[in-house]
Amino acid sequence: MDESVKSAYRHLGLTGYAGIQSISSGLKVGTLNLGTASQVNSSLRLIALLSEWFGKLMSANVSDFREFNEEEFWGHHLSICETYPGYNLEAYKDLFEDSVSHGRGNS
């Protein structure tokens, strides 16, 4: 894996954690509507999945992406997208591809 791809993955990881914060911002005490318990549970499950997904990416970063399985990583992403269609999670792949193609993943 070349340095520009590694850099794009690093950029994706940092951006992803900001996305998790965005999802969790609606779950702060005082903002919850008790009538939306299923939405809260769904958001919490999504946050857990994304945290695990991005956590694996950042663990791969620590080892300079040795033994990082890109196919498995993006397969997991696709599975998350299919499970949570209303969250525009496809944007993460677009962000990564844009970073690679434009060299904006530098971090």
Protein backbone atom coordinates (compact mmCIF):
# COMPACT_ATOMS: atom_id res chain seq x y z
CA MET A 1 0.00 0.00 0.00
CA ASP A 2 1.49 3.34 -0.98
CA GLU A 3 1.75 6.34 1.32
CA SER A 4 -1.08 8.29 -0.34
CA VAL A 5 -3.52 5.43 0.34
CA LYS A 6 -2.32 5.11 3.93
CA SER A 7 -2.78 8.84 4.36
CA ALA A 8 -6.30 8.65 2.91
CA TYR A 9 -7.16 5.89 5.39
CA ARG A 10 -5.83 8.04 8.24
CA HIS A 11 -7.94 10.95 7.04
CA LEU A 12 -10.98 8.64 6.85
CA GLY A 13 -10.42 7.46 10.42
CA LEU A 14 -10.23 10.96 11.81
CA THR A 15 -13.25 12.12 9.83
CA GLY A 16 -15.17 9.02 10.87
CA TYR A 17 -14.81 9.75 14.53
CA ALA A 18 -16.23 13.23 13.89
CA GLY A 19 -19.19 11.50 12.23
CA ILE A 20 -19.74 9.34 15.28
CA GLN A 21 -19.80 12.47 17.42
CA SER A 22 -22.44 13.92 15.12
CA ILE A 23 -24.68 10.86 15.51
CA SER A 24 -24.19 10.84 19.28
CA SER A 25 -24.94 14.55 19.67
CA GLY A 26 -28.66 13.81 19.41
CA LEU A 27 -28.39 11.38 22.29
CA LYS A 28 -27.29 13.86 24.93
CA VAL A 29 -29.25 14.04 28.18
CA GLY A 30 -32.10 16.49 27.90
CA THR A 31 -32.54 16.09 24.15
CA LEU A 32 -34.10 12.63 24.14
CA ASN A 33 -37.73 12.11 23.36
CA LEU A 34 -38.89 9.05 25.28
CA GLY A 35 -41.21 8.18 22.39
CA THR A 36 -38.19 7.39 20.19
CA ALA A 37 -36.59 4.56 22.15
CA SER A 38 -36.19 2.43 19.02
CA GLN A 39 -34.39 5.30 17.27
CA VAL A 40 -32.10 5.74 20.27
CA ASN A 41 -31.33 2.01 20.33
CA SER A 42 -30.67 2.03 16.60
CA SER A 43 -28.34 5.01 16.92
CA LEU A 44 -26.47 3.37 19.79
CA ARG A 45 -26.00 0.17 17.77
CA LEU A 46 -24.77 2.20 14.80
CA ILE A 47 -22.33 4.13 16.99
CA ALA A 48 -20.98 0.83 18.35
CA LEU A 49 -20.53 -0.62 14.85
CA LEU A 50 -18.84 2.50 13.51
CA SER A 51 -16.59 2.72 16.56
CA GLU A 52 -15.49 -0.86 15.99
CA TRP A 53 -15.02 -0.28 12.24
CA PHE A 54 -12.98 2.88 12.68
CA GLY A 55 -11.15 1.35 15.63
CA LYS A 56 -9.89 -1.44 13.37
CA LEU A 57 -8.75 1.18 10.90
CA MET A 58 -6.84 3.12 13.52
CA SER A 59 -5.31 -0.11 14.87
CA ALA A 60 -4.12 -0.84 11.34
CA ASN A 61 -2.64 2.65 11.25
CA VAL A 62 -0.55 1.90 14.34
CA SER A 63 1.01 -1.06 12.52
CA ASP A 64 1.48 1.04 9.35
CA PHE A 65 -1.26 -1.03 7.68
CA ARG A 66 0.70 -4.27 7.72
CA GLU A 67 -1.78 -7.13 7.46
CA PHE A 68 -4.64 -4.67 6.85
CA ASN A 69 -7.31 -6.38 4.77
CA GLU A 70 -8.90 -3.70 2.61
CA GLU A 71 -11.45 -6.08 1.10
CA GLU A 72 -12.66 -7.13 4.55
CA PHE A 73 -12.68 -3.51 5.75
CA TRP A 74 -14.86 -2.31 2.86
CA GLY A 75 -17.04 -5.42 3.08
CA HIS A 76 -17.80 -4.52 6.70
CA HIS A 77 -18.58 -0.97 5.54
CA LEU A 78 -21.04 -2.28 2.95
CA SER A 79 -22.74 -4.41 5.60
CA ILE A 80 -23.13 -1.39 7.89
CA CYS A 81 -24.51 0.70 4.99
CA GLU A 82 -27.09 -1.98 4.18
CA THR A 83 -28.16 -2.26 7.81
CA TYR A 84 -28.47 1.53 8.30
CA PRO A 85 -29.63 2.92 4.94
CA GLY A 86 -30.86 6.29 6.20
CA TYR A 87 -27.50 7.53 7.48
CA ASN A 88 -25.64 8.16 4.18
CA LEU A 89 -22.71 6.03 5.31
CA GLU A 90 -21.69 5.54 1.69
CA ALA A 91 -20.15 8.98 2.00
CA TYR A 92 -17.22 7.41 3.90
CA LYS A 93 -16.17 5.41 0.84
CA ASP A 94 -16.62 8.50 -1.34
CA LEU A 95 -14.48 10.54 1.05
CA PHE A 96 -11.74 7.91 0.98
CA GLU A 97 -11.77 7.63 -2.81
CA ASP A 98 -11.76 11.41 -3.19
CA SER A 99 -8.82 11.67 -0.77
CA VAL A 100 -6.87 9.08 -2.75
CA SER A 101 -7.61 10.59 -6.14
CA HIS A 102 -6.85 14.17 -5.08
CA GLY A 103 -4.04 13.51 -2.63
CA ARG A 104 -5.96 15.16 0.18
CA GLY A 105 -5.49 12.39 2.68
CA ASN A 106 -2.24 13.84 3.98
CA SER A 107 -2.19 13.73 7.76
